[in-house]
Amino acid sequence: MSKDNIGTRLKCVKEGLGTLTKSSKNPFFKSNYADLNAHLSAVEPILVANNFILTQPVMIINNRNVVVSRVTDALDNEVVLESVMQLPELEKMQDMGSAITYARRYTLGSLFAMQAKDDDANIATASKVVKRTTNRDF
């Protein structure tokens, strides 16, 4: 399969994505956001129609738990897009489940630069600036 074909199909996916509906409520920050199901509902049918498969396994990379959002070309089994997010070290399964869902939502959104204003966290409170760091060790 030619790389041009993959690029054309990814362009079709991107063009098919609209703005996500922020139908979930965050009571802590008193804001709305697009939950994981909204992201999946928007992306998966378009991916499948363009012969791509989305997987989001939890993996261990360099002794760290991570969520890997991966888009694979169904025609030649080549990974064409990937986004990885490290999970925090948590002891309670419910907390880990929430962290996995959050990481799945954010890595999926980052793969396609999905349009949804992110106001479900610090922007909603505007009370402090969060310093962001990246870890390229995995």
N, C-alpha and C. Protein backbone atom coordinates (compact mmCIF):
# COMPACT_ATOMS: atom_id res chain seq x y z
N MET A 1 0.86 -1.19 0.00
CA MET A 1 0.00 0.00 0.00
C MET A 1 0.90 1.24 0.00
N SER A 2 0.60 2.19 -0.82
CA SER A 2 1.45 3.37 -0.92
C SER A 2 1.19 4.33 0.24
N LYS A 3 2.23 5.05 0.58
CA LYS A 3 2.11 6.05 1.65
C LYS A 3 1.14 7.16 1.26
N ASP A 4 1.04 7.47 -0.04
CA ASP A 4 0.09 8.49 -0.49
C ASP A 4 -1.33 8.07 -0.16
N ASN A 5 -1.63 6.79 -0.33
CA ASN A 5 -2.96 6.29 -0.04
C ASN A 5 -3.27 6.42 1.44
N ILE A 6 -2.30 6.11 2.30
CA ILE A 6 -2.50 6.25 3.74
C ILE A 6 -2.75 7.72 4.09
N GLY A 7 -1.96 8.59 3.52
CA GLY A 7 -2.14 10.02 3.77
C GLY A 7 -3.50 10.51 3.31
N THR A 8 -3.93 10.06 2.16
CA THR A 8 -5.25 10.45 1.64
C THR A 8 -6.35 9.95 2.56
N ARG A 9 -6.24 8.71 3.02
CA ARG A 9 -7.26 8.16 3.91
C ARG A 9 -7.26 8.86 5.26
N LEU A 10 -6.07 9.20 5.78
CA LEU A 10 -6.02 9.94 7.05
C LEU A 10 -6.62 11.33 6.89
N LYS A 11 -6.41 11.93 5.72
CA LYS A 11 -7.02 13.23 5.44
C LYS A 11 -8.54 13.11 5.44
N CYS A 12 -9.06 12.03 4.87
CA CYS A 12 -10.52 11.81 4.89
C CYS A 12 -11.03 11.66 6.32
N VAL A 13 -10.27 10.97 7.17
CA VAL A 13 -10.66 10.83 8.57
C VAL A 13 -10.71 12.20 9.22
N LYS A 14 -9.66 12.97 9.05
CA LYS A 14 -9.59 14.30 9.68
C LYS A 14 -10.72 15.20 9.18
N GLU A 15 -10.99 15.16 7.88
CA GLU A 15 -12.06 15.99 7.32
C GLU A 15 -13.43 15.55 7.83
N GLY A 16 -13.58 14.27 8.14
CA GLY A 16 -14.86 13.76 8.61
C GLY A 16 -15.16 14.06 10.07
N LEU A 17 -14.15 14.44 10.81
CA LEU A 17 -14.36 14.73 12.23
C LEU A 17 -14.93 16.13 12.39
N GLY A 18 -15.96 16.23 13.15
CA GLY A 18 -16.52 17.54 13.46
C GLY A 18 -16.10 17.95 14.87
N THR A 19 -16.72 18.97 15.36
CA THR A 19 -16.49 19.39 16.74
C THR A 19 -17.27 18.48 17.67
N LEU A 20 -16.60 18.02 18.70
CA LEU A 20 -17.25 17.11 19.65
C LEU A 20 -18.26 17.85 20.51
N THR A 21 -19.33 17.16 20.81
CA THR A 21 -20.34 17.72 21.70
C THR A 21 -19.92 17.48 23.14
N LYS A 22 -19.88 18.53 23.92
CA LYS A 22 -19.51 18.40 25.32
C LYS A 22 -20.77 18.05 26.12
N SER A 23 -21.09 16.76 26.14
CA SER A 23 -22.34 16.32 26.75
C SER A 23 -22.18 15.80 28.18
N SER A 24 -20.96 15.67 28.65
CA SER A 24 -20.74 15.20 30.02
C SER A 24 -20.44 16.39 30.92
N LYS A 25 -20.81 16.24 32.17
CA LYS A 25 -20.63 17.34 33.13
C LYS A 25 -19.57 16.98 34.16
N ASN A 26 -18.72 17.96 34.46
CA ASN A 26 -17.73 17.81 35.51
C ASN A 26 -18.21 18.65 36.69
N PRO A 27 -18.81 18.02 37.71
CA PRO A 27 -19.38 18.80 38.81
C PRO A 27 -18.32 19.52 39.65
N PHE A 28 -17.12 18.99 39.70
CA PHE A 28 -16.07 19.63 40.50
C PHE A 28 -15.69 20.99 39.93
N PHE A 29 -15.54 21.04 38.59
CA PHE A 29 -15.15 22.30 37.94
C PHE A 29 -16.34 23.04 37.36
N LYS A 30 -17.55 22.46 37.49
CA LYS A 30 -18.77 23.08 36.96
C LYS A 30 -18.62 23.41 35.48
N SER A 31 -18.23 22.39 34.73
CA SER A 31 -18.02 22.58 33.29
C SER A 31 -18.49 21.35 32.54
N ASN A 32 -18.57 21.48 31.23
CA ASN A 32 -18.93 20.37 30.36
C ASN A 32 -17.70 19.92 29.59
N TYR A 33 -17.70 18.65 29.18
CA TYR A 33 -16.59 18.13 28.38
C TYR A 33 -17.08 16.98 27.52
N ALA A 34 -16.31 16.65 26.50
CA ALA A 34 -16.61 15.52 25.63
C ALA A 34 -15.94 14.29 26.25
N ASP A 35 -16.75 13.31 26.65
CA ASP A 35 -16.20 12.14 27.32
C ASP A 35 -15.61 11.15 26.31
N LEU A 36 -15.06 10.06 26.83
CA LEU A 36 -14.43 9.06 25.96
C LEU A 36 -15.41 8.51 24.94
N ASN A 37 -16.65 8.23 25.34
CA ASN A 37 -17.62 7.71 24.39
C ASN A 37 -17.89 8.69 23.25
N ALA A 38 -17.92 9.97 23.53
CA ALA A 38 -18.11 10.97 22.47
C ALA A 38 -16.94 10.93 21.49
N HIS A 39 -15.72 10.80 22.03
CA HIS A 39 -14.54 10.70 21.16
C HIS A 39 -14.62 9.45 20.28
N LEU A 40 -14.91 8.31 20.91
CA LEU A 40 -14.97 7.06 20.16
C LEU A 40 -16.08 7.06 19.13
N SER A 41 -17.25 7.59 19.49
CA SER A 41 -18.37 7.66 18.55
C SER A 41 -18.05 8.52 17.34
N ALA A 42 -17.26 9.56 17.56
CA ALA A 42 -16.90 10.46 16.46
C ALA A 42 -15.84 9.85 15.56
N VAL A 43 -14.90 9.10 16.14
CA VAL A 43 -13.72 8.65 15.39
C VAL A 43 -13.88 7.27 14.77
N GLU A 44 -14.37 6.31 15.54
CA GLU A 44 -14.31 4.91 15.07
C GLU A 44 -15.03 4.64 13.76
N PRO A 45 -16.25 5.14 13.55
CA PRO A 45 -16.89 4.86 12.25
C PRO A 45 -16.11 5.41 11.06
N ILE A 46 -15.51 6.56 11.24
CA ILE A 46 -14.73 7.17 10.15
C ILE A 46 -13.45 6.39 9.92
N LEU A 47 -12.82 5.93 11.00
CA LEU A 47 -11.62 5.11 10.85
C LEU A 47 -11.93 3.82 10.09
N VAL A 48 -12.97 3.12 10.53
CA VAL A 48 -13.34 1.86 9.90
C VAL A 48 -13.69 2.07 8.42
N ALA A 49 -14.40 3.13 8.12
CA ALA A 49 -14.77 3.42 6.73
C ALA A 49 -13.54 3.67 5.86
N ASN A 50 -12.43 4.07 6.48
CA ASN A 50 -11.19 4.33 5.75
C ASN A 50 -10.14 3.25 5.98
N ASN A 51 -10.59 2.08 6.44
CA ASN A 51 -9.72 0.92 6.64
C ASN A 51 -8.62 1.12 7.67
N PHE A 52 -8.99 1.73 8.79
CA PHE A 52 -8.09 1.86 9.92
C PHE A 52 -8.73 1.22 11.15
N ILE A 53 -7.90 0.77 12.07
CA ILE A 53 -8.35 0.18 13.32
C ILE A 53 -7.72 0.95 14.48
N LEU A 54 -8.55 1.29 15.47
CA LEU A 54 -8.07 1.97 16.68
C LEU A 54 -7.94 0.94 17.79
N THR A 55 -6.79 0.93 18.45
CA THR A 55 -6.62 0.15 19.67
C THR A 55 -6.06 1.06 20.75
N GLN A 56 -6.38 0.76 22.00
CA GLN A 56 -5.92 1.59 23.12
C GLN A 56 -5.50 0.72 24.30
N PRO A 57 -4.47 -0.11 24.12
CA PRO A 57 -4.07 -0.99 25.21
C PRO A 57 -3.35 -0.24 26.33
N VAL A 58 -3.46 -0.81 27.52
CA VAL A 58 -2.62 -0.38 28.64
C VAL A 58 -1.40 -1.29 28.59
N MET A 59 -0.23 -0.69 28.60
CA MET A 59 1.01 -1.46 28.46
C MET A 59 2.01 -1.03 29.52
N ILE A 60 3.06 -1.80 29.63
CA ILE A 60 4.19 -1.42 30.47
C ILE A 60 5.35 -1.15 29.53
N ILE A 61 5.84 0.09 29.56
CA ILE A 61 6.99 0.48 28.76
C ILE A 61 8.01 1.08 29.72
N ASN A 62 9.21 0.53 29.73
CA ASN A 62 10.26 0.98 30.66
C ASN A 62 9.76 1.02 32.10
N ASN A 63 9.10 -0.05 32.51
CA ASN A 63 8.59 -0.20 33.88
C ASN A 63 7.56 0.84 34.27
N ARG A 64 6.89 1.42 33.29
CA ARG A 64 5.85 2.41 33.56
C ARG A 64 4.56 1.97 32.88
N ASN A 65 3.45 2.12 33.59
CA ASN A 65 2.14 1.85 32.99
C ASN A 65 1.78 3.01 32.08
N VAL A 66 1.40 2.68 30.86
CA VAL A 66 1.03 3.69 29.88
C VAL A 66 -0.22 3.25 29.13
N VAL A 67 -0.92 4.23 28.58
CA VAL A 67 -1.97 3.97 27.60
C VAL A 67 -1.39 4.33 26.25
N VAL A 68 -1.55 3.42 25.30
CA VAL A 68 -1.07 3.64 23.94
C VAL A 68 -2.29 3.67 23.03
N SER A 69 -2.56 4.81 22.44
CA SER A 69 -3.62 4.91 21.43
C SER A 69 -2.94 4.76 20.08
N ARG A 70 -3.41 3.76 19.34
CA ARG A 70 -2.71 3.40 18.11
C ARG A 70 -3.71 3.23 16.97
N VAL A 71 -3.39 3.82 15.83
CA VAL A 71 -4.18 3.64 14.62
C VAL A 71 -3.36 2.78 13.67
N THR A 72 -3.96 1.65 13.27
CA THR A 72 -3.29 0.69 12.40
C THR A 72 -4.02 0.63 11.07
N ASP A 73 -3.25 0.58 10.00
CA ASP A 73 -3.81 0.42 8.66
C ASP A 73 -4.29 -1.03 8.54
N ALA A 74 -5.59 -1.23 8.36
CA ALA A 74 -6.15 -2.57 8.28
C ALA A 74 -5.74 -3.29 7.00
N LEU A 75 -5.25 -2.57 6.01
CA LEU A 75 -4.88 -3.19 4.74
C LEU A 75 -3.50 -3.82 4.77
N ASP A 76 -2.58 -3.25 5.57
CA ASP A 76 -1.24 -3.83 5.62
C ASP A 76 -0.70 -3.99 7.05
N ASN A 77 -1.56 -3.77 8.04
CA ASN A 77 -1.21 -3.96 9.45
C ASN A 77 -0.07 -3.05 9.92
N GLU A 78 0.12 -1.92 9.29
CA GLU A 78 1.15 -0.96 9.67
C GLU A 78 0.56 0.08 10.63
N VAL A 79 1.27 0.34 11.73
CA VAL A 79 0.86 1.40 12.65
C VAL A 79 1.17 2.72 11.98
N VAL A 80 0.15 3.58 11.85
CA VAL A 80 0.35 4.85 11.15
C VAL A 80 0.32 6.04 12.09
N LEU A 81 -0.33 5.92 13.24
CA LEU A 81 -0.37 6.98 14.25
C LEU A 81 -0.30 6.35 15.63
N GLU A 82 0.37 7.04 16.55
CA GLU A 82 0.44 6.53 17.91
C GLU A 82 0.64 7.68 18.89
N SER A 83 -0.05 7.57 20.01
CA SER A 83 0.08 8.56 21.08
C SER A 83 0.17 7.79 22.40
N VAL A 84 1.14 8.14 23.24
CA VAL A 84 1.38 7.42 24.49
C VAL A 84 1.29 8.39 25.66
N MET A 85 0.61 7.94 26.72
CA MET A 85 0.52 8.75 27.94
C MET A 85 0.82 7.87 29.15
N GLN A 86 1.75 8.33 29.97
CA GLN A 86 2.09 7.61 31.20
C GLN A 86 0.97 7.74 32.21
N LEU A 87 0.66 6.64 32.88
CA LEU A 87 -0.35 6.65 33.93
C LEU A 87 0.29 6.93 35.29
N PRO A 88 -0.44 7.59 36.16
CA PRO A 88 0.10 7.81 37.51
C PRO A 88 0.13 6.50 38.29
N GLU A 89 0.98 6.46 39.30
CA GLU A 89 1.04 5.28 40.17
C GLU A 89 -0.09 5.37 41.18
N LEU A 90 -1.08 4.50 41.03
CA LEU A 90 -2.26 4.51 41.89
C LEU A 90 -2.48 3.12 42.46
N GLU A 91 -3.04 3.06 43.66
CA GLU A 91 -3.27 1.77 44.30
C GLU A 91 -4.69 1.26 44.11
N LYS A 92 -5.67 2.13 44.13
CA LYS A 92 -7.06 1.71 44.01
C LYS A 92 -7.42 1.50 42.54
N MET A 93 -8.08 0.37 42.27
CA MET A 93 -8.45 0.06 40.89
C MET A 93 -9.41 1.09 40.30
N GLN A 94 -10.32 1.63 41.12
CA GLN A 94 -11.25 2.64 40.61
C GLN A 94 -10.49 3.88 40.16
N ASP A 95 -9.48 4.28 40.92
CA ASP A 95 -8.66 5.43 40.53
C ASP A 95 -7.88 5.14 39.26
N MET A 96 -7.36 3.91 39.16
CA MET A 96 -6.61 3.53 37.96
C MET A 96 -7.55 3.50 36.75
N GLY A 97 -8.76 2.99 36.94
CA GLY A 97 -9.74 2.97 35.85
C GLY A 97 -10.04 4.37 35.34
N SER A 98 -10.20 5.30 36.27
CA SER A 98 -10.45 6.70 35.89
C SER A 98 -9.25 7.27 35.13
N ALA A 99 -8.05 6.97 35.60
CA ALA A 99 -6.84 7.47 34.94
C ALA A 99 -6.70 6.89 33.53
N ILE A 100 -7.05 5.61 33.38
CA ILE A 100 -6.98 4.98 32.06
C ILE A 100 -7.98 5.62 31.11
N THR A 101 -9.20 5.84 31.58
CA THR A 101 -10.21 6.49 30.75
C THR A 101 -9.76 7.88 30.33
N TYR A 102 -9.23 8.64 31.27
CA TYR A 102 -8.74 9.99 30.99
C TYR A 102 -7.62 9.94 29.94
N ALA A 103 -6.67 9.02 30.12
CA ALA A 103 -5.55 8.91 29.19
C ALA A 103 -6.03 8.47 27.81
N ARG A 104 -7.00 7.57 27.76
CA ARG A 104 -7.54 7.15 26.46
C ARG A 104 -8.18 8.33 25.74
N ARG A 105 -8.93 9.13 26.48
CA ARG A 105 -9.60 10.29 25.89
C ARG A 105 -8.58 11.30 25.36
N TYR A 106 -7.57 11.60 26.15
CA TYR A 106 -6.60 12.62 25.75
C TYR A 106 -5.66 12.13 24.66
N THR A 107 -5.25 10.86 24.70
CA THR A 107 -4.38 10.39 23.62
C THR A 107 -5.14 10.30 22.30
N LEU A 108 -6.40 9.88 22.36
CA LEU A 108 -7.21 9.83 21.15
C LEU A 108 -7.42 11.23 20.58
N GLY A 109 -7.75 12.17 21.44
CA GLY A 109 -7.92 13.55 20.98
C GLY A 109 -6.66 14.12 20.37
N SER A 110 -5.51 13.76 20.93
CA SER A 110 -4.25 14.29 20.41
C SER A 110 -3.88 13.66 19.07
N LEU A 111 -4.27 12.42 18.82
CA LEU A 111 -3.96 11.78 17.55
C LEU A 111 -4.52 12.56 16.36
N PHE A 112 -5.72 13.10 16.54
CA PHE A 112 -6.41 13.76 15.44
C PHE A 112 -6.62 15.25 15.67
N ALA A 113 -5.98 15.81 16.68
CA ALA A 113 -6.16 17.23 17.01
C ALA A 113 -7.65 17.55 17.00
N MET A 114 -8.41 16.76 17.73
CA MET A 114 -9.87 16.86 17.72
C MET A 114 -10.33 18.18 18.30
N GLN A 115 -11.37 18.72 17.70
CA GLN A 115 -11.89 20.02 18.09
C GLN A 115 -12.88 19.88 19.24
N ALA A 116 -12.46 20.31 20.38
CA ALA A 116 -13.31 20.42 21.56
C ALA A 116 -12.53 21.27 22.54
N LYS A 117 -13.09 22.38 22.88
CA LYS A 117 -12.39 23.27 23.80
C LYS A 117 -12.24 22.55 25.14
N ASP A 118 -11.00 22.45 25.61
CA ASP A 118 -10.73 21.76 26.87
C ASP A 118 -10.92 22.73 28.02
N ASP A 119 -12.11 22.66 28.61
CA ASP A 119 -12.36 23.53 29.75
C ASP A 119 -12.77 22.73 30.99
N ASP A 120 -12.40 21.43 31.01
CA ASP A 120 -12.81 20.63 32.15
C ASP A 120 -11.73 20.52 33.23
N ALA A 121 -10.72 21.35 33.15
CA ALA A 121 -9.67 21.28 34.17
C ALA A 121 -9.29 22.68 34.64
N ASN A 122 -8.02 23.03 34.48
CA ASN A 122 -7.53 24.28 35.04
C ASN A 122 -8.10 25.53 34.38
N ILE A 123 -8.46 25.44 33.11
CA ILE A 123 -9.03 26.61 32.45
C ILE A 123 -10.33 27.02 33.13
N ALA A 124 -11.10 26.03 33.58
CA ALA A 124 -12.38 26.32 34.22
C ALA A 124 -12.21 27.06 35.54
N THR A 125 -11.15 26.74 36.26
CA THR A 125 -10.95 27.40 37.55
C THR A 125 -10.14 28.68 37.42
N ALA A 126 -9.22 28.69 36.46
CA ALA A 126 -8.34 29.84 36.22
C ALA A 126 -7.69 30.32 37.50
N SER A 127 -7.46 29.39 38.43
CA SER A 127 -6.91 29.79 39.71
C SER A 127 -5.41 29.65 39.80
N LYS A 128 -4.82 28.81 38.94
CA LYS A 128 -3.38 28.67 38.99
C LYS A 128 -2.87 28.18 37.65
N VAL A 129 -1.61 28.41 37.41
CA VAL A 129 -0.96 27.97 36.19
C VAL A 129 -0.32 26.63 36.47
N VAL A 130 -0.49 25.68 35.56
CA VAL A 130 0.09 24.36 35.72
C VAL A 130 1.31 24.27 34.82
N LYS A 131 2.43 23.90 35.40
CA LYS A 131 3.64 23.72 34.63
C LYS A 131 3.58 22.33 34.02
N ARG A 132 3.69 22.25 32.70
CA ARG A 132 3.64 20.96 32.02
C ARG A 132 5.06 20.49 31.71
N THR A 133 5.29 19.22 31.93
CA THR A 133 6.59 18.62 31.59
C THR A 133 6.33 17.42 30.70
N THR A 134 7.34 17.06 29.98
CA THR A 134 7.25 15.87 29.14
C THR A 134 8.32 14.88 29.58
N ASN A 135 8.02 13.61 29.42
CA ASN A 135 8.96 12.58 29.74
C ASN A 135 9.16 11.74 28.49
N ARG A 136 10.32 11.81 27.92
CA ARG A 136 10.59 11.11 26.66
C ARG A 136 11.34 9.81 26.90
N ASP A 137 11.26 9.28 28.12
CA ASP A 137 11.99 8.06 28.45
C ASP A 137 11.27 6.79 28.04
N PHE A 138 10.10 6.92 27.44
CA PHE A 138 9.42 5.69 27.08
C PHE A 138 8.93 5.68 25.69
